[in-house]
Amino acid sequence: MQSEKPTDFWQRPLAHGDFVVYSNKTGLRLGRIVRVNARMLTILEISGRTRNLTFEREFDRRAPKNVVRASGPELTLHLLTTESPKRGVENA
C-alpha cells in the first residue's frame, strides 16, 4: 500500500524542505518542514523568535490541512531581509 503525499490547505503537495505558513495563538508563523508523516508535519519555525535568548530551535507539529505552502519572490525577499538572531548583535 502506497502512502499518499500530504497536501496543504489549497490541495498543493507538501514535501520535506518546503516552507509553510501556519497559525498559532498569537498570529502567523513561517517555518520549514523537517519531517513528513502520513497525518502530521514537524515544522521548524524560522520566524526569528527565540526562547530565553538561548537560540533554541522551536518545532511545531501541524496537520497538513492546517498549513499553506509558501513560495515565490515574496518568500525569497522575506528570507533575505529578515535579520536572523544567529547573526549576532544588531548594528546600532
C-alpha atoms as a PDB file:
ATOM      1  CA  MET A   1       0.000   0.000   0.000  1.00  0.00           C
ATOM      2  CA  GLN A   2       1.469   3.348  -1.046  1.00  0.00           C
ATOM      3  CA  SER A   3       1.168   6.270   1.308  1.00  0.00           C
ATOM      4  CA  GLU A   4      -0.471   9.346  -0.122  1.00  0.00           C
ATOM      5  CA  LYS A   5       1.550  12.541  -0.230  1.00  0.00           C
ATOM      6  CA  PRO A   6       0.151  15.161   2.144  1.00  0.00           C
ATOM      7  CA  THR A   7      -1.417  18.291   0.697  1.00  0.00           C
ATOM      8  CA  ASP A   8      -1.828  21.744   2.194  1.00  0.00           C
ATOM      9  CA  PHE A   9      -4.992  23.812   2.668  1.00  0.00           C
ATOM     10  CA  TRP A  10      -5.066  24.620  -1.071  1.00  0.00           C
ATOM     11  CA  GLN A  11      -4.500  20.955  -2.076  1.00  0.00           C
ATOM     12  CA  ARG A  12      -0.886  21.569  -3.156  1.00  0.00           C
ATOM     13  CA  PRO A  13       1.561  18.733  -2.396  1.00  0.00           C
ATOM     14  CA  LEU A  14       3.908  19.129   0.572  1.00  0.00           C
ATOM     15  CA  ALA A  15       7.425  17.696   0.878  1.00  0.00           C
ATOM     16  CA  HIS A  16      10.397  17.749   3.213  1.00  0.00           C
ATOM     17  CA  GLY A  17      12.125  21.147   2.995  1.00  0.00           C
ATOM     18  CA  ASP A  18       9.082  23.143   1.849  1.00  0.00           C
ATOM     19  CA  PHE A  19       8.391  26.479   3.534  1.00  0.00           C
ATOM     20  CA  VAL A  20       4.936  26.784   5.066  1.00  0.00           C
ATOM     21  CA  VAL A  21       2.857  29.398   6.862  1.00  0.00           C
ATOM     22  CA  TYR A  22       0.775  28.268   9.832  1.00  0.00           C
ATOM     23  CA  SER A  23      -1.092  29.878  12.701  1.00  0.00           C
ATOM     24  CA  ASN A  24      -0.713  29.760  16.444  1.00  0.00           C
ATOM     25  CA  LYS A  25      -2.355  31.594  19.351  1.00  0.00           C
ATOM     26  CA  THR A  26      -0.750  34.964  18.592  1.00  0.00           C
ATOM     27  CA  GLY A  27      -0.536  35.104  14.796  1.00  0.00           C
ATOM     28  CA  LEU A  28       1.105  33.564  11.769  1.00  0.00           C
ATOM     29  CA  ARG A  29       4.453  31.768  11.720  1.00  0.00           C
ATOM     30  CA  LEU A  30       6.820  30.857   8.907  1.00  0.00           C
ATOM     31  CA  GLY A  31       8.578  27.515   9.065  1.00  0.00           C
ATOM     32  CA  ARG A  32      10.256  24.737   7.111  1.00  0.00           C
ATOM     33  CA  ILE A  33       9.038  21.138   7.040  1.00  0.00           C
ATOM     34  CA  VAL A  34      11.653  18.861   8.628  1.00  0.00           C
ATOM     35  CA  ARG A  35       9.627  15.643   8.899  1.00  0.00           C
ATOM     36  CA  VAL A  36       6.642  14.370   6.943  1.00  0.00           C
ATOM     37  CA  ASN A  37       4.380  11.653   8.314  1.00  0.00           C
ATOM     38  CA  ALA A  38       1.074  10.420   6.956  1.00  0.00           C
ATOM     39  CA  ARG A  39      -1.019  12.569   9.292  1.00  0.00           C
ATOM     40  CA  MET A  40       1.326  15.124  10.824  1.00  0.00           C
ATOM     41  CA  LEU A  41       4.125  17.504   9.808  1.00  0.00           C
ATOM     42  CA  THR A  42       7.022  18.556  12.010  1.00  0.00           C
ATOM     43  CA  ILE A  43       7.895  22.179  11.260  1.00  0.00           C
ATOM     44  CA  LEU A  44      10.990  24.130  12.304  1.00  0.00           C
ATOM     45  CA  GLU A  45       9.982  27.717  12.991  1.00  0.00           C
ATOM     46  CA  ILE A  46      12.221  30.216  11.211  1.00  0.00           C
ATOM     47  CA  SER A  47      10.418  33.427  12.113  1.00  0.00           C
ATOM     48  CA  GLY A  48      13.413  34.628  14.132  1.00  0.00           C
ATOM     49  CA  ARG A  49      11.753  34.215  17.532  1.00  0.00           C
ATOM     50  CA  THR A  50      13.787  32.577  20.287  1.00  0.00           C
ATOM     51  CA  ARG A  51      13.049  31.459  23.812  1.00  0.00           C
ATOM     52  CA  ASN A  52      15.015  32.949  26.724  1.00  0.00           C
ATOM     53  CA  LEU A  53      17.719  34.221  24.332  1.00  0.00           C
ATOM     54  CA  THR A  54      19.255  30.728  24.169  1.00  0.00           C
ATOM     55  CA  PHE A  55      18.678  30.298  20.420  1.00  0.00           C
ATOM     56  CA  GLU A  56      16.755  27.065  20.946  1.00  0.00           C
ATOM     57  CA  ARG A  57      15.088  25.691  17.871  1.00  0.00           C
ATOM     58  CA  GLU A  58      11.329  25.615  18.123  1.00  0.00           C
ATOM     59  CA  PHE A  59       9.411  22.813  16.470  1.00  0.00           C
ATOM     60  CA  ASP A  60       5.679  22.659  15.880  1.00  0.00           C
ATOM     61  CA  ARG A  61       3.505  19.762  14.805  1.00  0.00           C
ATOM     62  CA  ARG A  62       0.629  20.514  12.470  1.00  0.00           C
ATOM     63  CA  ALA A  63      -1.794  18.577  10.318  1.00  0.00           C
ATOM     64  CA  PRO A  64      -1.096  19.144   6.600  1.00  0.00           C
ATOM     65  CA  LYS A  65      -4.538  20.711   6.076  1.00  0.00           C
ATOM     66  CA  ASN A  66      -3.672  23.441   8.630  1.00  0.00           C
ATOM     67  CA  VAL A  67      -0.694  24.888   6.713  1.00  0.00           C
ATOM     68  CA  VAL A  68      -0.204  26.734   3.414  1.00  0.00           C
ATOM     69  CA  ARG A  69       2.926  26.202   1.315  1.00  0.00           C
ATOM     70  CA  ALA A  70       4.871  29.443   0.814  1.00  0.00           C
ATOM     71  CA  SER A  71       6.897  30.079  -2.327  1.00  0.00           C
ATOM     72  CA  GLY A  72       7.791  32.727  -4.832  1.00  0.00           C
ATOM     73  CA  PRO A  73       9.618  36.052  -4.816  1.00  0.00           C
ATOM     74  CA  GLU A  74       7.870  37.332  -1.658  1.00  0.00           C
ATOM     75  CA  LEU A  75       9.270  34.417   0.362  1.00  0.00           C
ATOM     76  CA  THR A  76      12.771  34.953  -1.051  1.00  0.00           C
ATOM     77  CA  LEU A  77      12.653  38.659  -0.219  1.00  0.00           C
ATOM     78  CA  HIS A  78      11.453  37.947   3.331  1.00  0.00           C
ATOM     79  CA  LEU A  79      14.204  35.384   3.957  1.00  0.00           C
ATOM     80  CA  LEU A  80      16.923  37.690   2.609  1.00  0.00           C
ATOM     81  CA  THR A  81      15.827  40.808   4.507  1.00  0.00           C
ATOM     82  CA  THR A  82      14.845  39.323   7.874  1.00  0.00           C
ATOM     83  CA  GLU A  83      17.560  39.563  10.496  1.00  0.00           C
ATOM     84  CA  SER A  84      18.445  36.165  11.918  1.00  0.00           C
ATOM     85  CA  PRO A  85      19.123  36.009  15.679  1.00  0.00           C
ATOM     86  CA  LYS A  86      22.125  33.745  14.983  1.00  0.00           C
ATOM     87  CA  ARG A  87      23.961  36.550  13.167  1.00  0.00           C
ATOM     88  CA  GLY A  88      24.772  38.261  16.454  1.00  0.00           C
ATOM     89  CA  VAL A  89      24.046  41.666  17.875  1.00  0.00           C
ATOM     90  CA  GLU A  90      22.301  44.144  15.617  1.00  0.00           C
ATOM     91  CA  ASN A  91      24.346  47.105  14.460  1.00  0.00           C
ATOM     92  CA  ALA A  92      23.229  50.383  16.008  1.00  0.00           C
END
